[in-house]
Amino acid sequence: MTKTAFIYTDEFLKFDYGPAHPLKTSRLNLAYELIKAHGLLSLPNVRYVEAGKAEDEELLLFHNKEYIEALRAVNAGVELPHACFFGLGSEDNPVFKGVFDWSRLVAGASLQAASLVDLGEVDIAFNISGGLHHAMSMRAAGFCYVNDIVIAILSLLKKGRRVAYIDIDAHHGDGVQTAFYNTDKVLTISIHETGEVLFPGTGFENETGRDKGEGYSVNIPMPPYSDDELFIHAFNEIVPPLINKFRPDIVVAQLGVDSFSSDPLAHLNYTNNGFCEVVKKIKDISPKWVALGGGGYDFVNLAKAWTLAWAIMNDVEIPDEIPEDFLNKYSHEGFINRKMMDDNYSETGIRKEQMREEVERALKFLKENVFVKLGI
């Protein structure tokens, strides 16, 4: 039986990016409550872990000391003149009360997930608050203040582990790529909407690493409106062969769901059908697995998708209907008209063929360059 850990705390709800900001910490609680409603935290193999805060020395595994001090300085929610040099106080990364505490808590939860998996206490650990993949060593970006992913991976590297990173968020995992662009110690793979139309404007297939890292940075840019079929095809063509060749001790995967057709911040048309197929494949190819959350701004689909992902992690099938008690409690969130866990969407026609050609072009480049470089 697969041993799993779910890392969470109600402390997440104390933090607020602001009324107009698309990232609401309440989305984490919604996913947690739906997971509970399906009985997925009371399974005999499941361990619930209360999230704790990262210490300064852990944050400094990746982040510059001056940046961490700037983040600490604005924790009261008051903007300071120098904070803008660190990306703090922007529209994407506002200064709010507890911003440093929030960042420490997210990073701490990811470090707990990494430690539990590394020590063999569980096979899979899931931190839905994590996956903040845009933060750089000296700058906040894209709703991300501290890069919990990089910190967790660095903590594993310190222990001599071989780590592969898989990112399926709609947005390119630029902060993680940057951190490991010059090394062969970490294989980073990001499948995302092309940077030609979406933030952060990076993640093209020719970004393959530098120096010792050449061939160990892999990007699969997807054209806007790509659907489940193209997503699954691109993933299967590239990711399993790379993981099989690299042979990681641990896979860290970011499971952002802003790639869904209903999401307001991207232009992809995946559904939880394609998402679940890819999550199953990640589980199959991962010797051990640290799973993290990420983007997702349609909160109904986010809660459904991460609940389905957690069910897959625990080898459990759940009913397609959302439990009635949950629907009654959270009808104001939009669930009442979307009662089923499943959804469906598929592209057809000329636009689909054009997208297919674009995807195949990127896959061909990766096979002729990255695969050859790595001897696949």
Protein backbone atom coordinates (compact mmCIF):
# COMPACT_ATOMS: atom_id res chain seq x y z
CA MET A 1 0.00 0.00 0.00
CA THR A 2 1.33 3.43 -0.96
CA LYS A 3 2.10 5.55 2.12
CA THR A 4 1.17 9.19 1.66
CA ALA A 5 1.28 12.48 3.57
CA PHE A 6 -0.93 15.53 3.11
CA ILE A 7 0.61 18.76 4.42
CA TYR A 8 -1.82 21.52 5.33
CA THR A 9 -2.78 24.07 8.00
CA ASP A 10 -5.68 26.44 8.56
CA GLU A 11 -3.00 29.09 9.13
CA PHE A 12 -2.99 29.56 5.34
CA LEU A 13 -6.35 31.32 5.63
CA LYS A 14 -4.88 34.14 7.71
CA PHE A 15 -3.15 35.63 4.67
CA ASP A 16 -4.71 37.77 1.96
CA TYR A 17 -3.09 39.14 -1.20
CA GLY A 18 -5.90 41.71 -1.44
CA PRO A 19 -9.51 41.82 -2.70
CA ALA A 20 -8.62 42.33 -6.38
CA HIS A 21 -5.81 39.76 -6.52
CA PRO A 22 -6.58 36.47 -8.33
CA LEU A 23 -4.67 34.30 -5.84
CA LYS A 24 -6.91 33.64 -2.86
CA THR A 25 -5.60 31.46 -0.06
CA SER A 26 -9.19 30.27 0.46
CA ARG A 27 -8.74 28.09 -2.65
CA LEU A 28 -6.45 25.87 -0.57
CA ASN A 29 -9.14 25.42 2.06
CA LEU A 30 -11.68 24.59 -0.64
CA ALA A 31 -9.48 21.80 -1.99
CA TYR A 32 -8.75 20.53 1.52
CA GLU A 33 -12.46 20.43 2.40
CA LEU A 34 -13.40 18.57 -0.80
CA ILE A 35 -10.63 16.04 -0.18
CA LYS A 36 -12.01 15.54 3.35
CA ALA A 37 -15.57 15.30 2.05
CA HIS A 38 -14.54 12.34 -0.12
CA GLY A 39 -12.99 10.64 2.91
CA LEU A 40 -9.50 10.84 1.46
CA LEU A 41 -7.78 11.98 4.66
CA SER A 42 -9.11 9.11 6.76
CA LEU A 43 -7.62 6.33 4.64
CA PRO A 44 -5.38 3.94 6.66
CA ASN A 45 -2.30 4.77 4.57
CA VAL A 46 -2.68 8.56 4.85
CA ARG A 47 -0.78 10.77 7.25
CA TYR A 48 -2.00 14.32 7.88
CA VAL A 49 0.86 16.73 8.68
CA GLU A 50 0.37 20.21 10.09
CA ALA A 51 2.47 22.63 8.06
CA GLY A 52 5.27 24.49 9.83
CA LYS A 53 7.37 27.52 8.91
CA ALA A 54 10.79 27.37 7.26
CA GLU A 55 13.74 28.81 9.17
CA ASP A 56 15.93 31.59 7.79
CA GLU A 57 18.82 29.24 7.03
CA GLU A 58 16.47 27.13 4.93
CA LEU A 59 15.25 30.13 2.94
CA LEU A 60 18.89 31.09 2.40
CA LEU A 61 19.55 27.81 0.63
CA PHE A 62 18.36 29.72 -2.44
CA HIS A 63 17.43 33.29 -1.62
CA ASN A 64 19.80 36.20 -1.18
CA LYS A 65 20.09 37.49 2.41
CA GLU A 66 19.21 41.07 1.38
CA TYR A 67 16.03 39.85 -0.29
CA ILE A 68 14.94 37.86 2.76
CA GLU A 69 15.59 40.91 4.95
CA ALA A 70 13.46 43.04 2.61
CA LEU A 71 10.68 40.48 2.76
CA ARG A 72 10.88 40.42 6.54
CA ALA A 73 10.82 44.23 6.64
CA VAL A 74 7.45 44.42 4.85
CA ASN A 75 5.84 41.66 6.91
CA ALA A 76 3.76 44.24 8.80
CA GLY A 77 2.05 45.06 5.50
CA VAL A 78 3.63 48.48 5.08
CA GLU A 79 5.50 49.22 1.85
CA LEU A 80 9.05 50.49 2.14
CA PRO A 81 10.89 52.56 -0.51
CA HIS A 82 13.57 49.96 -1.23
CA ALA A 83 11.13 47.02 -1.47
CA CYS A 84 10.35 47.71 -5.13
CA PHE A 85 13.90 46.73 -6.07
CA PHE A 86 13.01 43.21 -4.92
CA GLY A 87 9.71 43.03 -6.83
CA LEU A 88 7.71 43.73 -3.67
CA GLY A 89 4.73 46.05 -3.87
CA SER A 90 3.88 45.33 -7.51
CA GLU A 91 0.42 44.45 -8.77
CA ASP A 92 1.38 40.78 -8.96
CA ASN A 93 3.29 40.72 -5.69
CA PRO A 94 1.63 43.16 -3.31
CA VAL A 95 2.86 43.88 0.17
CA PHE A 96 0.30 42.54 2.64
CA LYS A 97 0.26 41.83 6.36
CA GLY A 98 2.11 38.59 7.04
CA VAL A 99 3.68 38.27 3.59
CA PHE A 100 6.92 36.93 5.09
CA ASP A 101 5.06 34.56 7.43
CA TRP A 102 3.03 33.26 4.46
CA SER A 103 6.19 32.65 2.47
CA ARG A 104 7.88 30.84 5.36
CA LEU A 105 4.82 28.64 5.83
CA VAL A 106 4.62 27.60 2.16
CA ALA A 107 8.35 26.86 2.03
CA GLY A 108 8.20 25.00 5.33
CA ALA A 109 5.40 22.76 4.06
CA SER A 110 7.40 21.86 0.94
CA LEU A 111 10.48 21.12 3.04
CA GLN A 112 8.36 18.85 5.24
CA ALA A 113 7.07 17.03 2.15
CA ALA A 114 10.62 16.57 0.83
CA SER A 115 11.91 15.32 4.18
CA LEU A 116 9.08 12.82 4.71
CA VAL A 117 9.66 11.32 1.26
CA ASP A 118 13.44 11.35 1.56
CA LEU A 119 13.41 9.61 4.95
CA GLY A 120 11.13 6.90 3.61
CA GLU A 121 8.32 7.74 6.02
CA VAL A 122 5.99 8.07 3.03
CA ASP A 123 6.18 7.33 -0.69
CA ILE A 124 4.30 10.47 -1.75
CA ALA A 125 3.76 13.80 0.01
CA PHE A 126 1.42 16.53 -1.27
CA ASN A 127 1.69 20.19 -0.30
CA ILE A 128 -1.11 21.99 -2.14
CA SER A 129 0.16 25.41 -0.98
CA GLY A 130 3.51 24.91 -2.72
CA GLY A 131 4.62 25.14 -6.30
CA LEU A 132 5.47 28.86 -6.31
CA HIS A 133 7.82 28.50 -9.24
CA HIS A 134 8.41 32.12 -10.37
CA ALA A 135 10.32 33.54 -7.39
CA MET A 136 13.96 34.31 -8.12
CA SER A 137 16.82 34.37 -5.63
CA MET A 138 16.59 38.16 -5.22
CA ARG A 139 13.12 39.00 -6.51
CA ALA A 140 9.44 38.18 -6.11
CA ALA A 141 7.54 37.47 -9.33
CA GLY A 142 4.26 36.04 -10.57
CA PHE A 143 2.49 35.85 -7.16
CA CYS A 144 5.55 34.01 -5.75
CA TYR A 145 7.70 35.49 -2.98
CA VAL A 146 9.78 32.47 -1.97
CA ASN A 147 10.58 29.61 -4.33
CA ASP A 148 9.59 26.66 -2.15
CA ILE A 149 10.35 24.25 -5.01
CA VAL A 150 14.00 25.26 -5.37
CA ILE A 151 14.47 25.26 -1.60
CA ALA A 152 12.99 21.75 -1.30
CA ILE A 153 15.13 20.44 -4.18
CA LEU A 154 18.29 22.00 -2.71
CA SER A 155 17.53 20.35 0.63
CA LEU A 156 17.44 17.00 -1.19
CA LEU A 157 20.63 17.71 -3.12
CA LYS A 158 22.40 18.39 0.19
CA LYS A 159 21.57 14.81 1.12
CA GLY A 160 23.04 13.49 -2.11
CA ARG A 161 19.73 12.77 -3.81
CA ARG A 162 19.21 12.82 -7.56
CA VAL A 163 16.14 14.95 -8.36
CA ALA A 164 13.95 15.42 -11.42
CA TYR A 165 11.42 18.25 -11.55
CA ILE A 166 8.22 18.14 -13.62
CA ASP A 167 6.03 21.25 -14.01
CA ILE A 168 2.61 21.09 -15.71
CA ASP A 169 1.37 24.57 -14.76
CA ALA A 170 0.15 26.77 -17.61
CA HIS A 171 3.02 29.15 -16.87
CA HIS A 172 6.66 28.29 -17.43
CA GLY A 173 8.57 27.30 -14.29
CA ASP A 174 11.19 29.99 -14.87
CA GLY A 175 12.46 30.37 -11.30
CA VAL A 176 13.20 26.66 -11.00
CA GLN A 177 14.81 26.53 -14.44
CA THR A 178 17.04 29.51 -13.62
CA ALA A 179 18.19 27.94 -10.35
CA PHE A 180 19.41 24.77 -12.05
CA TYR A 181 20.20 25.95 -15.59
CA ASN A 182 23.95 25.34 -15.27
CA THR A 183 23.95 21.96 -13.54
CA ASP A 184 23.36 18.32 -14.44
CA LYS A 185 22.37 17.52 -10.85
CA VAL A 186 18.72 18.34 -11.50
CA LEU A 187 16.63 17.57 -14.58
CA THR A 188 13.92 20.25 -15.00
CA ILE A 189 10.97 19.66 -17.33
CA SER A 190 8.23 22.23 -17.89
CA ILE A 191 5.20 21.79 -20.16
CA HIS A 192 3.32 25.07 -20.39
CA GLU A 193 1.61 27.59 -22.64
CA THR A 194 4.11 29.21 -24.98
CA GLY A 195 5.93 32.29 -23.72
CA GLU A 196 4.95 34.04 -26.95
CA VAL A 197 1.58 34.86 -25.38
CA LEU A 198 1.83 34.16 -21.65
CA PHE A 199 3.84 35.29 -18.62
CA PRO A 200 6.74 34.95 -17.96
CA GLY A 201 7.63 34.99 -21.68
CA THR A 202 10.19 32.20 -21.36
CA GLY A 203 10.29 28.41 -21.66
CA PHE A 204 10.98 27.91 -25.36
CA GLU A 205 12.23 24.54 -26.54
CA ASN A 206 15.70 25.91 -27.29
CA GLU A 207 16.25 26.76 -23.62
CA THR A 208 18.08 23.52 -22.87
CA GLY A 209 20.63 24.47 -20.21
CA ARG A 210 24.16 25.83 -20.18
CA ASP A 211 27.62 24.40 -19.45
CA LYS A 212 27.22 21.21 -17.37
CA GLY A 213 23.47 21.76 -17.47
CA GLU A 214 23.19 21.52 -21.26
CA GLY A 215 20.42 19.07 -22.03
CA TYR A 216 19.07 19.04 -18.47
CA SER A 217 16.61 21.91 -18.93
CA VAL A 218 13.63 20.77 -21.01
CA ASN A 219 10.70 22.90 -22.15
CA ILE A 220 7.58 21.90 -24.06
CA PRO A 221 5.78 25.11 -25.07
CA MET A 222 2.15 24.46 -26.00
CA PRO A 223 0.16 26.72 -28.33
CA PRO A 224 -2.89 28.51 -26.96
CA TYR A 225 -6.09 26.41 -26.89
CA SER A 226 -4.21 23.10 -26.73
CA ASP A 227 -6.49 20.36 -25.41
CA ASP A 228 -6.12 17.12 -23.42
CA GLU A 229 -5.09 15.06 -26.42
CA LEU A 230 -2.16 17.33 -27.29
CA PHE A 231 -1.18 17.67 -23.63
CA ILE A 232 -1.09 13.92 -23.03
CA HIS A 233 0.70 13.27 -26.33
CA ALA A 234 3.41 15.87 -25.66
CA PHE A 235 3.92 14.62 -22.12
CA ASN A 236 4.16 10.95 -23.10
CA GLU A 237 6.56 11.62 -25.98
CA ILE A 238 9.09 13.53 -23.88
CA VAL A 239 8.76 13.09 -20.12
CA PRO A 240 8.86 9.31 -19.46
CA PRO A 241 11.94 8.72 -21.69
CA LEU A 242 13.79 11.54 -19.91
CA ILE A 243 12.89 10.28 -16.44
CA ASN A 244 13.85 6.72 -17.37
CA LYS A 245 17.23 7.95 -18.63
CA PHE A 246 17.95 10.31 -15.73
CA ARG A 247 16.87 7.77 -13.07
CA PRO A 248 16.08 10.18 -10.24
CA ASP A 249 15.83 9.14 -6.60
CA ILE A 250 12.93 11.54 -6.14
CA VAL A 251 10.58 13.37 -8.51
CA VAL A 252 9.28 16.79 -7.49
CA ALA A 253 6.20 17.76 -9.52
CA GLN A 254 4.26 21.01 -9.67
CA LEU A 255 0.58 20.30 -10.43
CA GLY A 256 -0.77 23.72 -11.39
CA VAL A 257 -4.27 23.68 -12.89
CA ASP A 258 -4.41 27.13 -14.49
CA SER A 259 -4.11 25.16 -17.74
CA PHE A 260 -7.82 24.25 -17.60
CA SER A 261 -10.24 25.66 -20.16
CA SER A 262 -12.14 27.63 -17.50
CA ASP A 263 -9.13 29.37 -15.98
CA PRO A 264 -9.11 33.17 -16.36
CA LEU A 265 -5.32 33.65 -16.48
CA ALA A 266 -4.24 31.41 -19.36
CA HIS A 267 -5.47 30.15 -22.73
CA LEU A 268 -5.12 26.37 -22.60
CA ASN A 269 -8.08 24.02 -22.83
CA TYR A 270 -7.13 21.05 -20.67
CA THR A 271 -9.69 19.34 -18.44
CA ASN A 272 -9.35 17.18 -15.37
CA ASN A 273 -9.47 14.16 -17.69
CA GLY A 274 -6.15 15.04 -19.29
CA PHE A 275 -4.80 16.28 -15.97
CA CYS A 276 -5.58 12.96 -14.29
CA GLU A 277 -3.97 10.96 -17.10
CA VAL A 278 -0.76 12.92 -16.66
CA VAL A 279 -0.89 12.68 -12.85
CA LYS A 280 -1.22 8.89 -13.18
CA LYS A 281 1.79 8.83 -15.50
CA ILE A 282 3.84 10.94 -13.06
CA LYS A 283 2.97 8.48 -10.31
CA ASP A 284 4.01 5.54 -12.51
CA ILE A 285 7.42 6.99 -13.38
CA SER A 286 8.31 8.39 -9.94
CA PRO A 287 10.28 6.17 -7.53
CA LYS A 288 9.34 8.67 -4.80
CA TRP A 289 7.23 11.75 -5.28
CA VAL A 290 7.00 15.21 -3.76
CA ALA A 291 3.80 16.74 -5.18
CA LEU A 292 3.14 20.47 -5.00
CA GLY A 293 0.23 22.72 -5.94
CA GLY A 294 0.72 25.76 -8.15
CA GLY A 295 -1.55 27.96 -10.24
CA GLY A 296 -5.29 27.63 -10.60
CA TYR A 297 -7.76 30.50 -10.46
CA ASP A 298 -11.05 28.76 -11.18
CA PHE A 299 -11.46 27.53 -7.63
CA VAL A 300 -14.12 24.93 -8.40
CA ASN A 301 -11.91 23.19 -10.93
CA LEU A 302 -8.86 23.56 -8.70
CA ALA A 303 -10.60 21.84 -5.79
CA LYS A 304 -11.85 19.05 -8.04
CA ALA A 305 -8.52 18.53 -9.79
CA TRP A 306 -6.40 18.36 -6.64
CA THR A 307 -8.94 16.06 -5.00
CA LEU A 308 -8.73 13.74 -8.01
CA ALA A 309 -4.92 13.97 -7.90
CA TRP A 310 -4.88 13.03 -4.21
CA ALA A 311 -7.16 10.07 -4.95
CA ILE A 312 -4.73 8.90 -7.64
CA MET A 313 -1.81 9.24 -5.23
CA ASN A 314 -3.67 6.92 -2.85
CA ASP A 315 -4.82 4.39 -5.49
CA VAL A 316 -8.47 5.20 -4.78
CA GLU A 317 -11.35 5.79 -7.15
CA ILE A 318 -13.93 8.29 -5.95
CA PRO A 319 -17.54 8.85 -7.07
CA ASP A 320 -18.08 11.30 -9.90
CA GLU A 321 -20.68 13.19 -7.88
CA ILE A 322 -19.51 15.74 -5.32
CA PRO A 323 -20.85 14.87 -1.83
CA GLU A 324 -24.15 16.58 -1.07
CA ASP A 325 -23.03 17.97 2.29
CA PHE A 326 -20.09 19.69 0.63
CA LEU A 327 -22.33 21.11 -2.11
CA ASN A 328 -24.71 22.56 0.46
CA LYS A 329 -21.89 24.15 2.45
CA TYR A 330 -20.03 25.61 -0.54
CA SER A 331 -22.83 26.36 -3.00
CA HIS A 332 -21.79 30.02 -2.93
CA GLU A 333 -18.44 29.04 -4.50
CA GLY A 334 -20.12 27.87 -7.71
CA PHE A 335 -20.26 24.13 -7.10
CA ILE A 336 -24.05 23.93 -7.21
CA ASN A 337 -24.08 24.12 -11.03
CA ARG A 338 -20.97 21.97 -11.41
CA LYS A 339 -21.80 18.94 -9.31
CA MET A 340 -19.70 16.37 -11.15
CA MET A 341 -15.99 15.75 -10.59
CA ASP A 342 -15.53 15.02 -14.29
CA ASP A 343 -15.53 17.52 -17.18
CA ASN A 344 -14.77 17.39 -20.89
CA TYR A 345 -13.47 19.49 -23.78
CA SER A 346 -11.86 18.73 -27.13
CA GLU A 347 -10.62 20.89 -29.99
CA THR A 348 -11.37 20.00 -33.63
CA GLY A 349 -10.88 21.44 -37.10
CA ILE A 350 -8.17 23.55 -38.70
CA ARG A 351 -7.11 25.19 -35.44
CA LYS A 352 -6.47 21.76 -33.90
CA GLU A 353 -4.30 20.71 -36.84
CA GLN A 354 -2.31 23.93 -36.65
CA MET A 355 -1.74 23.34 -32.94
CA ARG A 356 -0.73 19.76 -33.60
CA GLU A 357 1.88 20.91 -36.12
CA GLU A 358 3.31 23.39 -33.64
CA VAL A 359 3.53 20.77 -30.89
CA GLU A 360 5.18 18.25 -33.21
CA ARG A 361 7.75 20.86 -34.24
CA ALA A 362 8.76 21.38 -30.60
CA LEU A 363 8.85 17.65 -29.90
CA LYS A 364 11.04 17.07 -32.96
CA PHE A 365 13.49 19.72 -31.75
CA LEU A 366 13.74 18.11 -28.31
CA LYS A 367 14.26 14.63 -29.72
CA GLU A 368 16.95 15.83 -32.14
CA ASN A 369 18.78 17.89 -29.53
CA VAL A 370 18.05 16.98 -25.90
CA PHE A 371 17.46 13.27 -26.51
CA VAL A 372 20.63 13.02 -28.58
CA LYS A 373 22.62 14.97 -25.98
CA LEU A 374 21.48 12.63 -23.19
CA GLY A 375 21.86 9.49 -25.27
CA ILE A 376 18.20 8.54 -25.50
